[in-house]
Structure formats: structure tokens, C-alpha cells
């Protein structure tokens, strides 16, 4: 392994994200368990890095375990009420006291600037305030929730002013009413409503219980890497009576993700707080390490354009060097670009394929089918092939053929049968490269 080469490749790979995230607004939802964990210092280091890259940051926290511990020491009988989300006047005093202490501890960590540490030369300014107008949660099914409240309004102008001054905004789970009352809120509601009100680019929750992300289409026990709002609703409905599959924390956060994305938030991320550098791995790698919920699918199959030539060349050149694909120079690719389709994931081209018609024989050729090595074995090649077949059928072709030197089994598994050179259109026979000795496979199109 060449560490210098690996470092340069990695550094270049994160450059698009640095450019994309500068000036964007991210809202983080942080549980009290994370704040009490020794790894929280590393999280603050990563927050400092994001701030130095020009990301506009809002941190929303709760202190439920700290409050619970404080109550259990002084008034253990009140813990049951707190667990039922009922906040009376005396309990609220403990809530305010504990949140004030936690708030100061987070501010202290954000103020670090020790030399020879990740916070060296850090210049983070923290802004807080009465940004949340709240109202009583009310009486539900005969139960009065007293001073437990819900978000009524977000002072977006005040928050935006703080962000414009390059401050990190730190928000507690407390809200204030026009009558001067204080209400105990949930971190999830404050983070979600704040993200919606600000039209944040990302809402990010760091979870306490978070199983490994599902990387296989056959594994149905864990969350997939990506979900649309519609898929998230379906998942919650399907697992409504199966709490063993999705724990309550994940269900709550997914419900918040739906609300956020149906509002004006582009994407919501669910990440494990237990992994070091989790937010960096999620934000600065293409597939991340958590679950991302978006309004619409991030995957697109579309016709290629002239602006895609450079990216397609980068995709196919390694395969050409291995002799898997026939070489195409930039000039030829520009001429034939209207034959190509590309498969995009989150704006990045990760696959391509081309279709060349032979109308006299009502046949067409599948060529240049390629998927980036990092994204293989995930069904992307199947989708490209299916799209090519649909286009071939729409053009009135009866057969699709391919010449291959390496992927014979894959094409057989997808309905192709081995054929001879004489089965190809005459023009293609004349262009056959005997040095490559490619095998011929043909598939009859379903009508």
C-alpha cells in the first residue's frame, strides 16, 4: 500500500463534498447519552472541522439521562412521570438546572483551542437564545402533560443572523411562551421543526441503538442505506407490530425524517454515535455509513449528453486497459454519445451502456456496459441492461446481441444464448476483431 498515493486519492475524493457543503445548513440532533460518552470530544472535533469548511451548524441536544439521574438521586418517585413525558413544576426545575449544566459543558468543549490537537487555532463562537416559541402539549386521553410542550414557532430570522455571523447555534430542548412560561420539549421535535423552518440542507441524528446498515438486498433485518419518504412510510407500516426489527429510537427518528423531508429539508441522516468519525464518514463518502432519507430517489437512468463524455471516459478506460471493453477515444465517444445511457447516483455517474441499432436485421447491439468497481454487485448492471432492452424493444428490434470476452456467465444468467458470428448483421461481421476472439450472445426480445 502506498500511503502517499492513498492519501492524495482520498483528499481529491472529498473535494467535491467540501465545495458542495460550503455555506449549507446542517442541523444535528444529539442525545444526552452521546454527550455523556467520552467519544463526544471527538464529535466536537469533527464539528470544528465542518465549521472550518464553511458549513452553517445548528446543534440541538437533550439531557434526558442526566435529568433522570438527577431526579433519581433526589426525587425517585418523579422518574416514572418523566418517563411518561409529564413535566410538573418541580420536575421542570431539575430539567432547567441539568440543561443549564449540560449547555455549559458543550460550550466549553466548543471553546477548546489547545495546540497540537484537532481544536488548535479553532475559533468557534457559540450562539444561543430564546429561538423556540412553545405551547402546552395539552391533555391527551385525559392525561394532562402539564409543562411538557410542543414547538409552536421558530425564530428563523434570529437563527439566520447568528449563522450569518459564522456562529455555531446551540439549542436546548426548552421552549418559551409569550406568557413567560418555560416548556420541556423533545430534542427530536426541536431539531426537526428547526430544520424545516430554515429549509436546512441536512438534518442529522446520531443514534444510541443503531444496527449495522443493510448492504444486501437479501438482508431485511436492518435499515437500507437509502430510503425515499414513500419507502420510509412503507417500512414503518410494515414493521408497526414488529418492534424487534426497528427499535423505538429508530422509529421515532424515521418519523422525524418523513416530516423533515415532506417539509423543506433535502435529506435526513441516521448515524450511529458509537463509530468514531461517523459524521465525516457519512458526509464525505459517496455511500456513507448510515441511513439517508430523501424526498425522491437519488438514482437516475438517463440519456447521456456531451457534458458526460469526460466522466464516461474515466469510467471505461480501466476496463479498456484490461481488454474487457473495446477502446474508444474522446472524439469517437463525442460522435456516438447519443447512443449512450448513464446511471447516476446522487449526481455521480457510476455506470453506462450503449445501444447500436441494425434496423435492416431488426437487431441491435449492447455495448460498453460498465459499472464503477465501487458500485458493482448492487444490481446497477441489471438496471442498465433492462433500460437498454426497453429502448431496443421500443425501436422495433427483435433481438439484442453482445460481444464479450469476460462476462459470458452474466449474460447467460440474464437470458442471452451463445451464438455464432454468422448470426450477426453482415456489417457487424465485417467489423469483427478476430484478435479479441469475443464470444457472441443473443437475446430475443419479449413482445
Protein backbone atom coordinates (compact mmCIF):
# COMPACT_ATOMS: atom_id res chain seq x y z
CA UNK A 1 0.00 0.00 0.00
CA UNK A 2 1.36 3.40 -0.96
CA UNK A 3 0.25 5.72 1.83
CA UNK A 4 1.15 8.86 -0.09
CA UNK A 5 -0.86 7.77 -3.13
CA UNK A 6 -3.79 6.69 -0.96
CA UNK A 7 -3.77 9.99 0.88
CA UNK A 8 -3.75 12.02 -2.34
CA UNK A 9 -6.58 9.91 -3.82
CA UNK A 10 -8.62 10.29 -0.63
CA UNK A 11 -8.02 14.03 -0.41
CA UNK A 12 -9.11 14.51 -4.00
CA UNK A 13 -12.19 12.36 -3.45
CA UNK A 14 -13.52 14.63 -0.67
CA UNK A 15 -13.01 17.86 -2.63
CA UNK A 16 -16.47 17.72 -4.31
CA UNK A 17 -18.14 17.42 -0.89
CA UNK A 18 -16.14 20.32 0.53
CA UNK A 19 -17.31 22.51 -2.34
CA UNK A 20 -20.89 21.26 -2.12
CA UNK A 21 -21.23 21.75 1.66
CA UNK A 22 -19.74 25.24 1.94
CA UNK A 23 -22.48 27.65 3.01
CA UNK A 24 -25.02 24.86 3.56
CA UNK A 25 -27.06 24.50 6.76
CA UNK A 26 -26.85 21.28 8.78
CA UNK A 27 -28.98 20.61 11.88
CA UNK A 28 -27.64 17.96 14.29
CA UNK A 29 -29.82 16.15 16.84
CA UNK A 30 -27.73 14.85 19.76
CA UNK A 31 -28.97 12.63 22.59
CA UNK A 32 -27.84 13.04 26.18
CA UNK A 33 -26.21 9.59 26.13
CA UNK A 34 -23.81 10.81 23.47
CA UNK A 35 -22.93 13.92 25.47
CA UNK A 36 -22.04 11.74 28.45
CA UNK A 37 -19.84 9.48 26.32
CA UNK A 38 -16.09 10.07 26.12
CA UNK A 39 -16.38 9.93 22.31
CA UNK A 40 -18.30 13.22 22.42
CA UNK A 41 -14.98 15.10 22.42
CA UNK A 42 -14.13 13.52 19.05
CA UNK A 43 -17.55 14.57 17.76
CA UNK A 44 -16.78 18.17 18.78
CA UNK A 45 -13.51 17.92 16.86
CA UNK A 46 -15.47 16.90 13.76
CA UNK A 47 -17.93 19.76 14.31
CA UNK A 48 -14.95 22.13 14.39
CA UNK A 49 -13.76 20.67 11.07
CA UNK A 50 -17.17 21.21 9.47
CA UNK A 51 -17.27 24.78 10.78
CA UNK A 52 -13.81 25.46 9.33
CA UNK A 53 -15.07 24.23 5.95
CA UNK A 54 -17.84 26.83 5.97
CA UNK A 55 -20.79 24.64 6.98
CA UNK A 56 -23.53 26.51 8.89
CA UNK A 57 -24.16 24.42 12.00
CA UNK A 58 -27.03 24.08 14.45
CA UNK A 59 -26.63 21.65 17.35
CA UNK A 60 -29.81 20.57 19.16
CA UNK A 61 -29.30 18.43 22.26
CA UNK A 62 -31.24 16.77 25.03
CA UNK A 63 -30.20 15.79 28.54
CA UNK A 64 -32.73 13.08 29.37
CA UNK A 65 -30.30 10.62 31.05
CA UNK A 66 -28.68 13.45 33.03
CA UNK A 67 -32.11 14.69 34.16
CA UNK A 68 -33.19 11.15 35.02
CA UNK A 69 -30.08 10.63 37.12
CA UNK A 70 -30.59 13.94 38.93
CA UNK A 71 -34.22 13.07 39.72
CA UNK A 72 -33.38 9.53 40.84
CA UNK A 73 -30.94 10.97 43.38
CA UNK A 74 -33.39 13.50 44.86
CA UNK A 75 -36.95 12.54 43.87
CA UNK A 76 -37.03 8.96 42.52
CA UNK A 77 -40.83 8.98 42.55
CA UNK A 78 -40.80 11.60 39.77
CA UNK A 79 -38.80 9.41 37.35
CA UNK A 80 -41.92 7.49 36.32
CA UNK A 81 -43.72 10.72 35.42
CA UNK A 82 -40.69 11.91 33.44
CA UNK A 83 -40.61 8.61 31.55
CA UNK A 84 -44.27 9.25 30.68
CA UNK A 85 -43.28 12.67 29.32
CA UNK A 86 -45.19 14.51 32.06
CA UNK A 87 -43.35 17.55 33.44
CA UNK A 88 -44.66 19.25 36.58
CA UNK A 89 -43.29 22.45 38.13
CA UNK A 90 -40.78 20.83 40.49
CA UNK A 91 -39.55 18.46 37.77
CA UNK A 92 -39.07 21.41 35.41
CA UNK A 93 -36.73 22.98 37.96
CA UNK A 94 -34.49 19.90 37.72
CA UNK A 95 -34.78 20.00 33.93
CA UNK A 96 -33.67 23.64 33.78
CA UNK A 97 -30.81 23.05 36.22
CA UNK A 98 -29.50 20.00 34.34
CA UNK A 99 -29.88 21.51 30.88
CA UNK A 100 -28.02 24.61 32.05
CA UNK A 101 -25.10 22.46 33.21
CA UNK A 102 -25.03 20.38 30.02
CA UNK A 103 -25.29 23.53 27.90
CA UNK A 104 -22.22 25.00 29.61
CA UNK A 105 -20.27 21.76 29.18
CA UNK A 106 -20.95 21.71 25.42
CA UNK A 107 -19.97 25.39 25.12
CA UNK A 108 -16.72 24.64 26.96
CA UNK A 109 -15.85 21.84 24.54
CA UNK A 110 -16.63 24.05 21.55
CA UNK A 111 -14.32 26.69 23.02
CA UNK A 112 -11.26 24.44 23.17
CA UNK A 113 -8.16 25.54 21.28
CA UNK A 114 -5.26 23.51 22.63
CA UNK A 115 -2.17 23.42 20.40
CA UNK A 116 -1.24 20.06 18.86
CA UNK A 117 -4.89 18.98 18.98
CA UNK A 118 -7.71 18.88 16.40
CA UNK A 119 -9.04 22.08 18.00
CA UNK A 120 -5.79 24.02 17.53
CA UNK A 121 -6.49 27.55 16.29
CA UNK A 122 -10.22 26.85 16.44
CA UNK A 123 -12.31 29.98 16.53
CA UNK A 124 -15.82 28.76 17.18
CA UNK A 125 -18.32 31.25 18.55
CA UNK A 126 -21.44 29.75 20.11
CA UNK A 127 -24.81 31.47 19.93
CA UNK A 128 -27.90 30.54 21.95
CA UNK A 129 -31.20 32.22 22.68
CA UNK A 130 -34.95 32.04 23.02
CA UNK A 131 -35.35 30.80 19.45
CA UNK A 132 -38.28 28.48 20.22
CA UNK A 133 -41.80 29.63 21.00
CA UNK A 134 -43.65 26.74 22.66
CA UNK A 135 -47.12 25.90 23.89
CA UNK A 136 -48.50 23.18 26.19
CA UNK A 137 -48.68 19.65 24.83
CA UNK A 138 -52.15 19.62 26.33
CA UNK A 139 -54.48 16.97 27.74
CA UNK A 140 -54.38 13.72 25.76
CA UNK A 141 -56.83 10.91 26.58
CA UNK A 142 -57.48 12.54 29.92
CA UNK A 143 -53.79 12.91 30.83
CA UNK A 144 -52.54 16.46 31.45
CA UNK A 145 -48.93 16.76 30.32
CA UNK A 146 -48.55 19.99 32.33
CA UNK A 147 -45.28 21.74 31.39
CA UNK A 148 -44.35 19.30 28.66
CA UNK A 149 -44.71 21.33 25.49
CA UNK A 150 -44.50 21.31 21.74
CA UNK A 151 -42.90 23.67 19.23
CA UNK A 152 -45.21 26.46 18.12
CA UNK A 153 -42.83 28.72 16.20
CA UNK A 154 -39.15 29.02 15.25
CA UNK A 155 -37.46 32.43 15.21
CA UNK A 156 -35.73 31.80 11.91
CA UNK A 157 -34.58 35.40 11.48
CA UNK A 158 -32.64 35.33 14.75
CA UNK A 159 -31.06 31.96 13.96
CA UNK A 160 -30.11 33.06 10.44
CA UNK A 161 -28.49 36.20 11.86
CA UNK A 162 -26.36 34.05 14.16
CA UNK A 163 -25.38 31.75 11.29
CA UNK A 164 -24.55 34.73 9.07
CA UNK A 165 -22.10 35.83 11.76
CA UNK A 166 -20.36 32.43 11.49
CA UNK A 167 -21.63 31.26 14.88
CA UNK A 168 -22.46 27.67 15.77
CA UNK A 169 -26.02 27.77 17.09
CA UNK A 170 -26.57 25.65 20.20
CA UNK A 171 -30.20 24.89 21.04
CA UNK A 172 -31.62 23.21 24.15
CA UNK A 173 -34.91 21.26 24.36
CA UNK A 174 -36.63 24.16 26.12
CA UNK A 175 -39.24 26.47 24.65
CA UNK A 176 -40.75 29.69 25.87
CA UNK A 177 -44.30 31.05 25.68
CA UNK A 178 -45.38 34.69 25.21
CA UNK A 179 -46.73 34.49 28.77
CA UNK A 180 -43.23 33.77 30.11
CA UNK A 181 -43.67 30.06 30.78
CA UNK A 182 -40.95 27.51 30.08
CA UNK A 183 -41.82 24.17 28.48
CA UNK A 184 -39.91 20.90 28.34
CA UNK A 185 -39.66 19.76 24.70
CA UNK A 186 -38.09 16.81 22.92
CA UNK A 187 -34.81 17.16 21.08
CA UNK A 188 -36.34 15.43 18.04
CA UNK A 189 -39.16 17.94 17.70
CA UNK A 190 -36.88 20.95 18.14
CA UNK A 191 -34.33 19.65 15.62
CA UNK A 192 -36.98 18.66 13.08
CA UNK A 193 -39.01 21.86 13.30
CA UNK A 194 -35.85 23.98 13.19
CA UNK A 195 -34.59 22.16 10.10
CA UNK A 196 -37.96 22.61 8.37
CA UNK A 197 -38.24 26.30 9.29
CA UNK A 198 -34.73 27.03 8.00
CA UNK A 199 -35.08 24.82 4.90
CA UNK A 200 -31.90 23.12 6.09
CA UNK A 201 -29.90 21.06 3.65
CA UNK A 202 -29.46 18.23 6.13
CA UNK A 203 -30.99 17.02 9.38
CA UNK A 204 -28.64 14.57 11.10
CA UNK A 205 -29.49 12.36 14.07
CA UNK A 206 -26.81 10.44 15.99
CA UNK A 207 -28.43 7.33 17.44
CA UNK A 208 -27.70 5.26 20.52
CA UNK A 209 -29.06 1.97 19.18
CA UNK A 210 -28.28 1.53 15.55
CA UNK A 211 -27.68 -1.82 13.92
CA UNK A 212 -25.32 -2.29 11.00
CA UNK A 213 -26.63 -0.82 7.78
CA UNK A 214 -28.07 -3.30 5.29
CA UNK A 215 -25.75 -3.69 2.30
CA UNK A 216 -27.53 -6.70 0.80
CA UNK A 217 -30.85 -6.81 -0.97
CA UNK A 218 -31.47 -10.16 0.74
CA UNK A 219 -31.00 -8.82 4.28
CA UNK A 220 -34.28 -7.45 5.63
CA UNK A 221 -33.37 -7.15 9.31
CA UNK A 222 -31.61 -3.79 9.18
CA UNK A 223 -32.11 -0.40 7.57
CA UNK A 224 -31.05 0.12 3.95
CA UNK A 225 -28.53 2.81 3.15
CA UNK A 226 -31.11 4.94 1.39
CA UNK A 227 -34.85 5.44 1.64
CA UNK A 228 -37.30 7.76 -0.03
CA UNK A 229 -40.12 9.25 2.02
CA UNK A 230 -42.55 6.78 0.43
CA UNK A 231 -40.26 3.84 1.25
CA UNK A 232 -39.84 5.05 4.82
CA UNK A 233 -43.61 5.25 5.34
CA UNK A 234 -43.99 1.73 3.96
CA UNK A 235 -41.19 0.42 6.18
CA UNK A 236 -42.76 1.91 9.30
CA UNK A 237 -46.15 0.48 8.36
CA UNK A 238 -44.71 -2.97 7.67
CA UNK A 239 -42.83 -3.04 10.98
CA UNK A 240 -45.58 -1.42 13.06
CA UNK A 241 -46.20 -4.57 15.10
CA UNK A 242 -42.64 -5.88 14.91
CA UNK A 243 -40.57 -3.82 17.32
CA UNK A 244 -37.77 -6.39 17.19
CA UNK A 245 -36.90 -5.25 13.69
CA UNK A 246 -36.84 -1.48 14.29
CA UNK A 247 -36.29 -0.24 17.81
CA UNK A 248 -38.34 2.67 19.13
CA UNK A 249 -35.49 5.15 18.76
CA UNK A 250 -35.11 4.42 15.06
CA UNK A 251 -38.86 4.54 14.53
CA UNK A 252 -39.04 7.99 16.15
CA UNK A 253 -36.17 9.30 14.08
CA UNK A 254 -37.61 7.89 10.85
CA UNK A 255 -40.91 9.63 11.63
CA UNK A 256 -38.93 12.86 12.06
CA UNK A 257 -37.18 12.19 8.75
CA UNK A 258 -40.55 11.91 7.00
CA UNK A 259 -41.75 15.19 8.50
CA UNK A 260 -38.49 16.95 7.64
CA UNK A 261 -38.33 15.75 4.04
CA UNK A 262 -42.01 16.46 3.46
CA UNK A 263 -41.17 19.95 4.71
CA UNK A 264 -38.25 21.70 3.06
CA UNK A 265 -35.31 19.60 4.24
CA UNK A 266 -33.37 17.95 1.43
CA UNK A 267 -32.08 14.93 3.36
CA UNK A 268 -32.17 13.36 6.80
CA UNK A 269 -29.35 11.10 8.02
CA UNK A 270 -29.44 8.48 10.79
CA UNK A 271 -25.97 7.59 12.05
CA UNK A 272 -24.58 5.53 14.90
CA UNK A 273 -22.97 7.66 17.58
CA UNK A 274 -20.66 4.78 18.55
CA UNK A 275 -18.48 4.91 15.43
CA UNK A 276 -15.52 7.26 15.57
CA UNK A 277 -15.74 9.92 12.87
CA UNK A 278 -19.27 8.82 11.99
CA UNK A 279 -20.39 12.18 10.62
CA UNK A 280 -17.27 12.51 8.46
CA UNK A 281 -17.72 9.02 7.04
CA UNK A 282 -21.38 9.70 6.33
CA UNK A 283 -20.91 13.14 4.77
CA UNK A 284 -17.63 12.76 2.88
CA UNK A 285 -18.03 9.34 1.28
CA UNK A 286 -20.45 8.60 -1.52
CA UNK A 287 -22.44 5.83 0.14
CA UNK A 288 -21.78 6.83 3.75
CA UNK A 289 -22.20 4.59 6.79
CA UNK A 290 -25.72 5.47 7.92
CA UNK A 291 -29.25 5.59 6.57
CA UNK A 292 -30.28 8.58 4.47
CA UNK A 293 -33.89 9.56 3.82
CA UNK A 294 -34.64 11.83 0.86
CA UNK A 295 -37.77 13.13 -0.82
CA UNK A 296 -37.10 11.29 -4.07
CA UNK A 297 -34.79 8.52 -5.22
CA UNK A 298 -31.15 9.52 -5.70
CA UNK A 299 -30.78 7.10 -8.60
CA UNK A 300 -31.40 8.18 -12.18
CA UNK A 301 -31.13 6.45 -15.54
CA UNK A 302 -30.95 9.00 -18.34
CA UNK A 303 -29.70 9.62 -21.85
CA UNK A 304 -26.07 10.75 -21.92
CA UNK A 305 -25.10 14.22 -23.08
CA UNK A 306 -21.92 15.75 -24.43
CA UNK A 307 -21.11 17.04 -20.94
CA UNK A 308 -20.86 13.41 -19.74
CA UNK A 309 -18.06 12.39 -22.13
CA UNK A 310 -15.22 13.05 -19.67
CA UNK A 311 -16.86 11.08 -16.86
CA UNK A 312 -17.73 8.16 -19.14
CA UNK A 313 -14.11 8.01 -20.34
CA UNK A 314 -12.91 7.82 -16.72
CA UNK A 315 -15.37 5.00 -16.13
CA UNK A 316 -14.47 2.85 -19.15
CA UNK A 317 -10.72 3.47 -19.52
CA UNK A 318 -9.68 0.98 -16.77
CA UNK A 319 -11.85 -1.70 -18.42
CA UNK A 320 -10.34 -0.90 -21.81
CA UNK A 321 -6.85 -1.26 -20.32
CA UNK A 322 -7.80 -4.75 -19.08
CA UNK A 323 -9.11 -5.69 -22.51
CA UNK A 324 -12.68 -6.04 -21.27
CA UNK A 325 -14.02 -3.21 -23.43
CA UNK A 326 -13.09 -2.05 -26.91
CA UNK A 327 -11.14 1.19 -26.84
CA UNK A 328 -13.00 4.42 -27.60
CA UNK A 329 -11.22 7.73 -27.81
CA UNK A 330 -12.84 11.03 -26.83
CA UNK A 331 -13.59 12.01 -30.43
CA UNK A 332 -15.44 8.77 -31.17
CA UNK A 333 -17.32 8.97 -27.86
CA UNK A 334 -18.43 12.53 -28.63
CA UNK A 335 -19.72 11.40 -32.03
CA UNK A 336 -21.59 8.42 -30.55
CA UNK A 337 -22.75 10.00 -27.29
CA UNK A 338 -26.41 9.86 -28.35
CA UNK A 339 -26.11 6.05 -28.25
CA UNK A 340 -25.27 6.06 -24.54
CA UNK A 341 -27.29 6.00 -21.35
CA UNK A 342 -25.80 6.70 -17.91
CA UNK A 343 -26.72 5.60 -14.43
CA UNK A 344 -26.35 8.33 -11.82
CA UNK A 345 -26.34 8.05 -8.07
CA UNK A 346 -26.63 11.36 -6.21
CA UNK A 347 -25.37 13.24 -9.25
CA UNK A 348 -22.35 10.99 -9.85
CA UNK A 349 -22.19 8.74 -12.93
CA UNK A 350 -21.42 5.19 -11.78
CA UNK A 351 -22.46 3.21 -14.86
CA UNK A 352 -23.09 3.43 -18.59
CA UNK A 353 -24.19 1.39 -21.59
CA UNK A 354 -24.67 1.97 -25.32
CA UNK A 355 -27.15 0.72 -27.93
CA UNK A 356 -26.25 0.44 -31.62
CA UNK A 357 -29.16 -0.39 -33.99
CA UNK A 358 -29.05 -2.50 -37.12
CA UNK A 359 -32.54 -1.73 -38.45
CA UNK A 360 -32.40 -3.92 -41.56
CA UNK A 361 -32.00 -7.07 -39.48
CA UNK A 362 -34.21 -5.67 -36.65
CA UNK A 363 -31.31 -6.29 -34.31
CA UNK A 364 -29.25 -4.04 -32.09
CA UNK A 365 -26.00 -4.31 -30.16
CA UNK A 366 -25.46 -3.76 -26.47
CA UNK A 367 -22.01 -2.25 -26.00
CA UNK A 368 -19.85 -0.55 -23.40
CA UNK A 369 -21.80 -1.84 -20.39
CA UNK A 370 -19.73 -0.69 -17.41
CA UNK A 371 -20.24 -0.11 -13.70
CA UNK A 372 -17.67 1.54 -11.44
CA UNK A 373 -15.84 -1.10 -9.32
CA UNK A 374 -17.01 0.50 -6.05
CA UNK A 375 -20.66 0.02 -7.02
CA UNK A 376 -20.74 -3.46 -8.51
CA UNK A 377 -22.84 -6.37 -7.24
CA UNK A 378 -25.62 -3.99 -6.24
CA UNK A 379 -27.95 -4.52 -9.19
CA UNK A 380 -26.85 -1.48 -11.19
CA UNK A 381 -25.77 -3.57 -14.19
CA UNK A 382 -29.20 -5.24 -14.20
CA UNK A 383 -30.91 -1.86 -14.35
CA UNK A 384 -28.71 -0.68 -17.21
CA UNK A 385 -29.43 -3.87 -19.14
CA UNK A 386 -33.16 -3.59 -18.53
CA UNK A 387 -33.17 0.01 -19.76
CA UNK A 388 -31.26 -0.98 -22.91
CA UNK A 389 -33.72 -3.81 -23.56
CA UNK A 390 -36.67 -1.44 -23.18
CA UNK A 391 -35.11 1.01 -25.64
CA UNK A 392 -34.33 -1.79 -28.09
CA UNK A 393 -37.91 -3.05 -27.97
CA UNK A 394 -39.33 0.46 -28.33
CA UNK A 395 -37.31 0.86 -31.54
CA UNK A 396 -38.95 -2.27 -33.01
CA UNK A 397 -35.96 -4.59 -32.66
CA UNK A 398 -36.47 -8.30 -32.21
CA UNK A 399 -33.01 -9.30 -30.98
CA UNK A 400 -30.28 -7.84 -28.81
CA UNK A 401 -26.72 -9.09 -29.18
CA UNK A 402 -23.47 -8.51 -27.32
CA UNK A 403 -19.83 -9.41 -27.90
CA UNK A 404 -17.95 -10.20 -24.71
CA UNK A 405 -14.63 -11.65 -23.58
CA UNK A 406 -15.20 -11.77 -19.81
CA UNK A 407 -18.89 -11.69 -18.81
CA UNK A 408 -20.23 -14.79 -20.55
CA UNK A 409 -21.91 -16.26 -17.46
CA UNK A 410 -23.52 -12.95 -16.51
CA UNK A 411 -25.18 -12.62 -19.92
CA UNK A 412 -26.34 -16.26 -19.87
CA UNK A 413 -27.93 -15.62 -16.46
CA UNK A 414 -29.77 -12.67 -18.00
CA UNK A 415 -31.38 -14.61 -20.83
CA UNK A 416 -28.73 -14.47 -23.56
CA UNK A 417 -27.76 -17.57 -25.55
CA UNK A 418 -24.42 -18.21 -27.19
CA UNK A 419 -24.49 -17.79 -30.97
CA UNK A 420 -22.09 -17.76 -33.88
CA UNK A 421 -20.57 -14.89 -35.81
CA UNK A 422 -22.79 -15.70 -38.78
CA UNK A 423 -25.86 -14.86 -36.69
CA UNK A 424 -24.82 -11.22 -36.51
CA UNK A 425 -25.73 -8.49 -39.02
CA UNK A 426 -23.41 -8.50 -42.04
CA UNK A 427 -21.96 -5.10 -41.19
CA UNK A 428 -21.04 -6.29 -37.70
CA UNK A 429 -19.46 -9.45 -39.10
CA UNK A 430 -17.22 -7.34 -41.30
CA UNK A 431 -16.07 -5.32 -38.27
CA UNK A 432 -15.40 -8.34 -36.04
CA UNK A 433 -11.96 -8.24 -34.34
CA UNK A 434 -10.52 -11.74 -34.58
CA UNK A 435 -7.65 -10.84 -32.22
CA UNK A 436 -10.11 -10.29 -29.33
CA UNK A 437 -11.98 -13.52 -30.08
CA UNK A 438 -15.10 -12.17 -28.41
CA UNK A 439 -17.97 -14.57 -27.87
CA UNK A 440 -21.35 -13.75 -29.37
CA UNK A 441 -24.52 -13.82 -27.29
CA UNK A 442 -28.03 -13.03 -28.50
CA UNK A 443 -31.29 -12.45 -26.64
CA UNK A 444 -34.73 -12.47 -28.25
CA UNK A 445 -36.80 -9.52 -27.12
CA UNK A 446 -40.14 -10.20 -25.47
CA UNK A 447 -43.01 -8.59 -27.38
